[in-house]
Amino acid sequence: MNLFSDFAKALGQLTDPKFRWVLIKGLGISALLFGGAYFGIIQLATAILPGSITLPWLGTIPIGDWFSGIALTGALVMAVFLMFPVAIIFIGFFLEEIADAVEAKHYPHLPPAAPLGMGAMIGEAIRFLMIMVVVNILALIIYFTSTLLAPVIFWIVNGYLLGREYFQLVAMRRLGLRGADKLRKAHRMEIWFAGILMAIPLSIPVVNLLIPLLGVATFTHQFHRLVAKNPPS
């Protein structure tokens, strides 16, 4: 129940002006990725497909008249998968901003956290994106051999990755690398479960737009709750 309390606190801060500004920027990134996917499909099809096809009894049919609809549908499907890179981009650009807003409201007695640095954050985001891509490519074998369980396996795998990375970066702001590692390993199952709860709605269009923001805020609350139980020695 503590984890759901963490999420409830994060949800209750959505009206915070700092949260709204991060959400606007996140929506902008999502729109750019979606638009890029849509126009990428259009450009690829234009380069590969002929301008029209001739079918028996039907005559000449211009492909462009109906392909834009197919491209839009494809981009919508891709948007579900693009939300995982968007969630990772949030690590690089917005984690400090969100965590600072959470701490300013709920933990005002704390001294300022040591900033991780934009270069380090972006580098970590790129590294994590590569890990996520490699792990999911390897997991494709399991997805194809376990069709009915594929979504569950997808959530479990990506939940572990998201929980590990988000919690690690939030904790590093206060404890450094070694301290963050120690706390994360002591509570790895709870952090993994929190990551799964984040991965599931990331697969739902529209809803997933809020999840990176709420996820960072939730892991910030989780970190402060866990570090209170296990103060650094």
C-alpha atoms as a PDB file:
ATOM      1  CA  MET A   1       0.000   0.000   0.000  1.00  0.00           C
ATOM      2  CA  ASN A   2       2.958   2.330   0.533  1.00  0.00           C
ATOM      3  CA  LEU A   3       3.681   2.294  -3.189  1.00  0.00           C
ATOM      4  CA  PHE A   4       0.124   3.340  -4.013  1.00  0.00           C
ATOM      5  CA  SER A   5       0.453   6.130  -1.461  1.00  0.00           C
ATOM      6  CA  ASP A   6       3.580   7.292  -3.321  1.00  0.00           C
ATOM      7  CA  PHE A   7       1.624   7.311  -6.571  1.00  0.00           C
ATOM      8  CA  ALA A   8      -1.312   9.147  -4.985  1.00  0.00           C
ATOM      9  CA  LYS A   9       1.026  11.909  -3.804  1.00  0.00           C
ATOM     10  CA  ALA A  10       2.484  12.192  -7.315  1.00  0.00           C
ATOM     11  CA  LEU A  11      -1.001  12.324  -8.818  1.00  0.00           C
ATOM     12  CA  GLY A  12      -2.051  15.015  -6.363  1.00  0.00           C
ATOM     13  CA  GLN A  13       0.742  17.284  -7.581  1.00  0.00           C
ATOM     14  CA  LEU A  14      -0.370  17.347 -11.235  1.00  0.00           C
ATOM     15  CA  THR A  15      -1.831  20.817 -10.710  1.00  0.00           C
ATOM     16  CA  ASP A  16       1.579  22.142  -9.673  1.00  0.00           C
ATOM     17  CA  PRO A  17       2.675  24.771 -12.265  1.00  0.00           C
ATOM     18  CA  LYS A  18       6.116  23.118 -12.457  1.00  0.00           C
ATOM     19  CA  PHE A  19       4.486  19.791 -13.299  1.00  0.00           C
ATOM     20  CA  ARG A  20       2.265  21.397 -15.933  1.00  0.00           C
ATOM     21  CA  TRP A  21       5.259  22.985 -17.640  1.00  0.00           C
ATOM     22  CA  VAL A  22       7.109  19.644 -17.742  1.00  0.00           C
ATOM     23  CA  LEU A  23       3.963  17.996 -19.119  1.00  0.00           C
ATOM     24  CA  ILE A  24       3.711  20.600 -21.896  1.00  0.00           C
ATOM     25  CA  LYS A  25       7.325  19.956 -22.876  1.00  0.00           C
ATOM     26  CA  GLY A  26       6.745  16.209 -22.724  1.00  0.00           C
ATOM     27  CA  LEU A  27       3.714  16.513 -24.995  1.00  0.00           C
ATOM     28  CA  GLY A  28       5.857  18.485 -27.418  1.00  0.00           C
ATOM     29  CA  ILE A  29       8.436  15.687 -27.538  1.00  0.00           C
ATOM     30  CA  SER A  30       5.669  13.113 -28.028  1.00  0.00           C
ATOM     31  CA  ALA A  31       4.177  15.147 -30.879  1.00  0.00           C
ATOM     32  CA  LEU A  32       7.573  15.428 -32.587  1.00  0.00           C
ATOM     33  CA  LEU A  33       8.158  11.682 -32.322  1.00  0.00           C
ATOM     34  CA  PHE A  34       4.653  10.900 -33.575  1.00  0.00           C
ATOM     35  CA  GLY A  35       4.949  13.368 -36.453  1.00  0.00           C
ATOM     36  CA  GLY A  36       8.379  12.015 -37.331  1.00  0.00           C
ATOM     37  CA  ALA A  37       7.029   8.458 -37.397  1.00  0.00           C
ATOM     38  CA  TYR A  38       4.093   9.471 -39.605  1.00  0.00           C
ATOM     39  CA  PHE A  39       6.116  11.447 -42.149  1.00  0.00           C
ATOM     40  CA  GLY A  40       8.870   8.821 -42.057  1.00  0.00           C
ATOM     41  CA  ILE A  41       6.394   6.139 -43.112  1.00  0.00           C
ATOM     42  CA  ILE A  42       5.043   8.426 -45.853  1.00  0.00           C
ATOM     43  CA  GLN A  43       8.524   9.209 -47.202  1.00  0.00           C
ATOM     44  CA  LEU A  44       9.591   5.561 -47.104  1.00  0.00           C
ATOM     45  CA  ALA A  45       6.464   4.452 -48.931  1.00  0.00           C
ATOM     46  CA  THR A  46       6.857   7.208 -51.532  1.00  0.00           C
ATOM     47  CA  ALA A  47      10.388   6.050 -52.257  1.00  0.00           C
ATOM     48  CA  ILE A  48       9.486   2.364 -52.494  1.00  0.00           C
ATOM     49  CA  LEU A  49       5.942   2.157 -53.847  1.00  0.00           C
ATOM     50  CA  PRO A  50       4.778   3.239 -57.323  1.00  0.00           C
ATOM     51  CA  GLY A  51       2.432   6.202 -57.644  1.00  0.00           C
ATOM     52  CA  SER A  52      -0.431   3.929 -58.701  1.00  0.00           C
ATOM     53  CA  ILE A  53      -1.272   0.309 -59.386  1.00  0.00           C
ATOM     54  CA  THR A  54      -3.453  -1.274 -62.062  1.00  0.00           C
ATOM     55  CA  LEU A  55      -5.769  -4.091 -61.051  1.00  0.00           C
ATOM     56  CA  PRO A  56      -7.990  -6.306 -63.228  1.00  0.00           C
ATOM     57  CA  TRP A  57     -11.560  -4.964 -63.485  1.00  0.00           C
ATOM     58  CA  LEU A  58     -10.713  -2.077 -61.141  1.00  0.00           C
ATOM     59  CA  GLY A  59      -8.340  -0.198 -63.403  1.00  0.00           C
ATOM     60  CA  THR A  60      -5.705   2.238 -62.146  1.00  0.00           C
ATOM     61  CA  ILE A  61      -5.778   3.019 -58.422  1.00  0.00           C
ATOM     62  CA  PRO A  62      -3.677   5.889 -57.010  1.00  0.00           C
ATOM     63  CA  ILE A  63      -1.845   4.593 -53.949  1.00  0.00           C
ATOM     64  CA  GLY A  64      -1.459   8.008 -52.348  1.00  0.00           C
ATOM     65  CA  ASP A  65      -5.226   8.384 -51.876  1.00  0.00           C
ATOM     66  CA  TRP A  66      -5.425   5.602 -49.323  1.00  0.00           C
ATOM     67  CA  PHE A  67      -1.883   5.125 -48.089  1.00  0.00           C
ATOM     68  CA  SER A  68      -1.929   8.241 -45.876  1.00  0.00           C
ATOM     69  CA  GLY A  69      -4.665   6.582 -43.809  1.00  0.00           C
ATOM     70  CA  ILE A  70      -2.579   3.423 -43.467  1.00  0.00           C
ATOM     71  CA  ALA A  71       0.428   5.530 -42.490  1.00  0.00           C
ATOM     72  CA  LEU A  72      -1.609   7.318 -39.836  1.00  0.00           C
ATOM     73  CA  THR A  73      -2.756   3.996 -38.406  1.00  0.00           C
ATOM     74  CA  GLY A  74       0.820   2.722 -38.418  1.00  0.00           C
ATOM     75  CA  ALA A  75       2.044   5.847 -36.658  1.00  0.00           C
ATOM     76  CA  LEU A  76      -0.641   5.445 -33.989  1.00  0.00           C
ATOM     77  CA  VAL A  77       0.501   1.875 -33.377  1.00  0.00           C
ATOM     78  CA  MET A  78       4.126   3.036 -33.264  1.00  0.00           C
ATOM     79  CA  ALA A  79       3.161   5.731 -30.756  1.00  0.00           C
ATOM     80  CA  VAL A  80       2.542   3.008 -28.168  1.00  0.00           C
ATOM     81  CA  PHE A  81       6.114   1.745 -28.573  1.00  0.00           C
ATOM     82  CA  LEU A  82       7.544   5.254 -28.891  1.00  0.00           C
ATOM     83  CA  MET A  83       6.370   6.055 -25.362  1.00  0.00           C
ATOM     84  CA  PHE A  84       9.157   3.901 -23.967  1.00  0.00           C
ATOM     85  CA  PRO A  85      11.845   6.053 -25.642  1.00  0.00           C
ATOM     86  CA  VAL A  86       9.886   9.121 -24.491  1.00  0.00           C
ATOM     87  CA  ALA A  87       9.986   7.797 -20.927  1.00  0.00           C
ATOM     88  CA  ILE A  88      13.734   7.410 -21.274  1.00  0.00           C
ATOM     89  CA  ILE A  89      14.141  10.916 -22.710  1.00  0.00           C
ATOM     90  CA  PHE A  90      12.396  12.185 -19.583  1.00  0.00           C
ATOM     91  CA  ILE A  91      15.339  10.803 -17.612  1.00  0.00           C
ATOM     92  CA  GLY A  92      17.733  12.939 -19.588  1.00  0.00           C
ATOM     93  CA  PHE A  93      15.794  16.178 -19.600  1.00  0.00           C
ATOM     94  CA  PHE A  94      13.204  16.375 -16.842  1.00  0.00           C
ATOM     95  CA  LEU A  95      14.120  14.118 -13.924  1.00  0.00           C
ATOM     96  CA  GLU A  96      15.903  16.850 -11.965  1.00  0.00           C
ATOM     97  CA  GLU A  97      13.068  19.292 -12.597  1.00  0.00           C
ATOM     98  CA  ILE A  98      10.361  16.887 -11.442  1.00  0.00           C
ATOM     99  CA  ALA A  99      12.273  15.576  -8.424  1.00  0.00           C
ATOM    100  CA  ASP A 100      13.089  19.132  -7.305  1.00  0.00           C
ATOM    101  CA  ALA A 101       9.393  20.087  -7.522  1.00  0.00           C
ATOM    102  CA  VAL A 102       8.376  17.022  -5.467  1.00  0.00           C
ATOM    103  CA  GLU A 103      10.982  17.732  -2.797  1.00  0.00           C
ATOM    104  CA  ALA A 104      10.134  21.431  -2.647  1.00  0.00           C
ATOM    105  CA  LYS A 105       6.510  20.586  -1.815  1.00  0.00           C
ATOM    106  CA  HIS A 106       6.777  17.417   0.279  1.00  0.00           C
ATOM    107  CA  TYR A 107      10.313  17.512   1.733  1.00  0.00           C
ATOM    108  CA  PRO A 108      11.117  21.229   2.166  1.00  0.00           C
ATOM    109  CA  HIS A 109      13.393  20.540   5.142  1.00  0.00           C
ATOM    110  CA  LEU A 110      15.990  18.819   2.946  1.00  0.00           C
ATOM    111  CA  PRO A 111      19.055  20.639   1.635  1.00  0.00           C
ATOM    112  CA  PRO A 112      19.352  20.998  -2.161  1.00  0.00           C
ATOM    113  CA  ALA A 113      20.299  17.783  -3.929  1.00  0.00           C
ATOM    114  CA  ALA A 114      23.560  17.522  -5.819  1.00  0.00           C
ATOM    115  CA  PRO A 115      22.675  17.990  -9.511  1.00  0.00           C
ATOM    116  CA  LEU A 116      23.695  15.120 -11.755  1.00  0.00           C
ATOM    117  CA  GLY A 117      24.489  17.411 -14.685  1.00  0.00           C
ATOM    118  CA  MET A 118      22.690  17.522 -18.038  1.00  0.00           C
ATOM    119  CA  GLY A 119      25.566  15.823 -19.882  1.00  0.00           C
ATOM    120  CA  ALA A 120      25.634  12.925 -17.444  1.00  0.00           C
ATOM    121  CA  MET A 121      21.837  12.612 -17.518  1.00  0.00           C
ATOM    122  CA  ILE A 122      21.647  12.555 -21.317  1.00  0.00           C
ATOM    123  CA  GLY A 123      24.550  10.106 -21.487  1.00  0.00           C
ATOM    124  CA  GLU A 124      22.788   7.855 -18.994  1.00  0.00           C
ATOM    125  CA  ALA A 125      19.552   8.100 -20.982  1.00  0.00           C
ATOM    126  CA  ILE A 126      21.329   7.055 -24.200  1.00  0.00           C
ATOM    127  CA  ARG A 127      23.069   4.186 -22.430  1.00  0.00           C
ATOM    128  CA  PHE A 128      19.800   3.002 -20.925  1.00  0.00           C
ATOM    129  CA  LEU A 129      18.000   3.293 -24.285  1.00  0.00           C
ATOM    130  CA  MET A 130      20.597   0.998 -25.843  1.00  0.00           C
ATOM    131  CA  ILE A 131      20.197  -1.508 -23.000  1.00  0.00           C
ATOM    132  CA  MET A 132      16.411  -1.432 -23.355  1.00  0.00           C
ATOM    133  CA  VAL A 133      16.610  -2.001 -27.125  1.00  0.00           C
ATOM    134  CA  VAL A 134      19.037  -4.928 -26.764  1.00  0.00           C
ATOM    135  CA  VAL A 135      17.045  -6.569 -23.961  1.00  0.00           C
ATOM    136  CA  ASN A 136      13.764  -6.238 -25.865  1.00  0.00           C
ATOM    137  CA  ILE A 137      15.310  -7.667 -29.038  1.00  0.00           C
ATOM    138  CA  LEU A 138      16.464 -10.693 -27.041  1.00  0.00           C
ATOM    139  CA  ALA A 139      13.026 -10.924 -25.423  1.00  0.00           C
ATOM    140  CA  LEU A 140      11.378 -11.083 -28.878  1.00  0.00           C
ATOM    141  CA  ILE A 141      12.138 -14.809 -28.914  1.00  0.00           C
ATOM    142  CA  ILE A 142      10.018 -15.252 -25.803  1.00  0.00           C
ATOM    143  CA  TYR A 143       7.311 -12.926 -27.168  1.00  0.00           C
ATOM    144  CA  PHE A 144       6.908 -15.021 -30.326  1.00  0.00           C
ATOM    145  CA  THR A 145       6.954 -18.372 -28.525  1.00  0.00           C
ATOM    146  CA  SER A 146       4.558 -17.247 -25.776  1.00  0.00           C
ATOM    147  CA  THR A 147       1.943 -15.252 -27.671  1.00  0.00           C
ATOM    148  CA  LEU A 148      -0.614 -15.032 -24.875  1.00  0.00           C
ATOM    149  CA  LEU A 149       1.985 -14.136 -22.258  1.00  0.00           C
ATOM    150  CA  ALA A 150       3.884 -11.678 -24.469  1.00  0.00           C
ATOM    151  CA  PRO A 151       2.309  -8.513 -22.955  1.00  0.00           C
ATOM    152  CA  VAL A 152       2.969  -9.749 -19.424  1.00  0.00           C
ATOM    153  CA  ILE A 153       6.583 -10.608 -20.245  1.00  0.00           C
ATOM    154  CA  PHE A 154       6.961  -7.217 -21.951  1.00  0.00           C
ATOM    155  CA  TRP A 155       5.720  -5.443 -18.802  1.00  0.00           C
ATOM    156  CA  ILE A 156       7.914  -7.538 -16.497  1.00  0.00           C
ATOM    157  CA  VAL A 157      11.083  -6.971 -18.550  1.00  0.00           C
ATOM    158  CA  ASN A 158      10.554  -3.261 -19.143  1.00  0.00           C
ATOM    159  CA  GLY A 159       9.206  -2.748 -15.626  1.00  0.00           C
ATOM    160  CA  TYR A 160      12.490  -4.009 -14.256  1.00  0.00           C
ATOM    161  CA  LEU A 161      14.499  -1.732 -16.553  1.00  0.00           C
ATOM    162  CA  LEU A 162      12.380   1.366 -15.920  1.00  0.00           C
ATOM    163  CA  GLY A 163      12.238   0.839 -12.155  1.00  0.00           C
ATOM    164  CA  ARG A 164      15.955   0.236 -11.898  1.00  0.00           C
ATOM    165  CA  GLU A 165      16.923   3.292 -13.939  1.00  0.00           C
ATOM    166  CA  TYR A 166      14.418   5.787 -12.555  1.00  0.00           C
ATOM    167  CA  PHE A 167      15.053   4.847  -8.942  1.00  0.00           C
ATOM    168  CA  GLN A 168      18.810   4.750  -9.435  1.00  0.00           C
ATOM    169  CA  LEU A 169      18.946   8.273 -10.853  1.00  0.00           C
ATOM    170  CA  VAL A 170      16.598   9.715  -8.233  1.00  0.00           C
ATOM    171  CA  ALA A 171      18.664   8.097  -5.469  1.00  0.00           C
ATOM    172  CA  MET A 172      21.993   9.226  -6.934  1.00  0.00           C
ATOM    173  CA  ARG A 173      20.971  12.846  -6.433  1.00  0.00           C
ATOM    174  CA  ARG A 174      21.096  12.293  -2.675  1.00  0.00           C
ATOM    175  CA  LEU A 175      23.316   9.266  -2.073  1.00  0.00           C
ATOM    176  CA  GLY A 176      25.759   9.113  -4.952  1.00  0.00           C
ATOM    177  CA  LEU A 177      26.359   6.000  -7.068  1.00  0.00           C
ATOM    178  CA  ARG A 178      27.366   3.571  -4.306  1.00  0.00           C
ATOM    179  CA  GLY A 179      24.662   4.654  -1.898  1.00  0.00           C
ATOM    180  CA  ALA A 180      22.016   4.447  -4.618  1.00  0.00           C
ATOM    181  CA  ASP A 181      23.181   0.955  -5.592  1.00  0.00           C
ATOM    182  CA  LYS A 182      23.032  -0.245  -1.994  1.00  0.00           C
ATOM    183  CA  LEU A 183      19.522   1.117  -1.362  1.00  0.00           C
ATOM    184  CA  ARG A 184      18.199  -0.170  -4.704  1.00  0.00           C
ATOM    185  CA  LYS A 185      19.514  -3.679  -4.123  1.00  0.00           C
ATOM    186  CA  ALA A 186      18.026  -3.754  -0.626  1.00  0.00           C
ATOM    187  CA  HIS A 187      14.559  -3.041  -2.061  1.00  0.00           C
ATOM    188  CA  ARG A 188      14.872  -4.437  -5.577  1.00  0.00           C
ATOM    189  CA  MET A 189      11.536  -6.306  -5.591  1.00  0.00           C
ATOM    190  CA  GLU A 190       9.485  -3.294  -4.514  1.00  0.00           C
ATOM    191  CA  ILE A 191      11.284  -1.119  -7.066  1.00  0.00           C
ATOM    192  CA  TRP A 192      10.702  -3.747  -9.769  1.00  0.00           C
ATOM    193  CA  PHE A 193       6.996  -3.843  -8.913  1.00  0.00           C
ATOM    194  CA  ALA A 194       6.834  -0.048  -9.146  1.00  0.00           C
ATOM    195  CA  GLY A 195       8.467  -0.262 -12.581  1.00  0.00           C
ATOM    196  CA  ILE A 196       5.872  -2.799 -13.748  1.00  0.00           C
ATOM    197  CA  LEU A 197       3.059  -0.512 -12.582  1.00  0.00           C
ATOM    198  CA  MET A 198       4.674   2.189 -14.694  1.00  0.00           C
ATOM    199  CA  ALA A 199       5.237  -0.024 -17.762  1.00  0.00           C
ATOM    200  CA  ILE A 200       1.611  -1.213 -18.003  1.00  0.00           C
ATOM    201  CA  PRO A 201      -0.030   2.209 -18.590  1.00  0.00           C
ATOM    202  CA  LEU A 202       2.866   3.197 -20.891  1.00  0.00           C
ATOM    203  CA  SER A 203       1.241   0.754 -23.328  1.00  0.00           C
ATOM    204  CA  ILE A 204      -2.071   2.665 -23.279  1.00  0.00           C
ATOM    205  CA  PRO A 205      -2.351   5.580 -25.760  1.00  0.00           C
ATOM    206  CA  VAL A 206      -3.138   9.022 -24.277  1.00  0.00           C
ATOM    207  CA  VAL A 207      -2.824   7.718 -20.699  1.00  0.00           C
ATOM    208  CA  ASN A 208       0.852   7.028 -21.361  1.00  0.00           C
ATOM    209  CA  LEU A 209       1.525  10.745 -21.872  1.00  0.00           C
ATOM    210  CA  LEU A 210       1.264  11.299 -18.102  1.00  0.00           C
ATOM    211  CA  ILE A 211       3.229   8.267 -16.982  1.00  0.00           C
ATOM    212  CA  PRO A 212       6.845   9.488 -17.335  1.00  0.00           C
ATOM    213  CA  LEU A 213       5.986  12.554 -15.247  1.00  0.00           C
ATOM    214  CA  LEU A 214       4.069  10.583 -12.620  1.00  0.00           C
ATOM    215  CA  GLY A 215       6.705   7.852 -12.680  1.00  0.00           C
ATOM    216  CA  VAL A 216       9.582  10.150 -11.757  1.00  0.00           C
ATOM    217  CA  ALA A 217       7.479  11.765  -9.024  1.00  0.00           C
ATOM    218  CA  THR A 218       6.431   8.362  -7.666  1.00  0.00           C
ATOM    219  CA  PHE A 219      10.004   7.072  -7.554  1.00  0.00           C
ATOM    220  CA  THR A 220      11.067  10.262  -5.786  1.00  0.00           C
ATOM    221  CA  HIS A 221       8.494   9.587  -3.039  1.00  0.00           C
ATOM    222  CA  GLN A 222       9.506   5.932  -2.953  1.00  0.00           C
ATOM    223  CA  PHE A 223      13.155   6.876  -2.537  1.00  0.00           C
ATOM    224  CA  HIS A 224      12.478   9.170   0.429  1.00  0.00           C
ATOM    225  CA  ARG A 225      10.248   6.559   2.073  1.00  0.00           C
ATOM    226  CA  LEU A 226      12.834   3.783   1.663  1.00  0.00           C
ATOM    227  CA  VAL A 227      15.806   5.895   2.714  1.00  0.00           C
ATOM    228  CA  ALA A 228      13.897   6.816   5.887  1.00  0.00           C
ATOM    229  CA  LYS A 229      13.613   3.088   6.662  1.00  0.00           C
ATOM    230  CA  ASN A 230      17.254   2.417   5.789  1.00  0.00           C
ATOM    231  CA  PRO A 231      19.258   5.581   6.518  1.00  0.00           C
ATOM    232  CA  PRO A 232      22.673   5.606   4.802  1.00  0.00           C
ATOM    233  CA  SER A 233      25.466   4.516   7.127  1.00  0.00           C
END
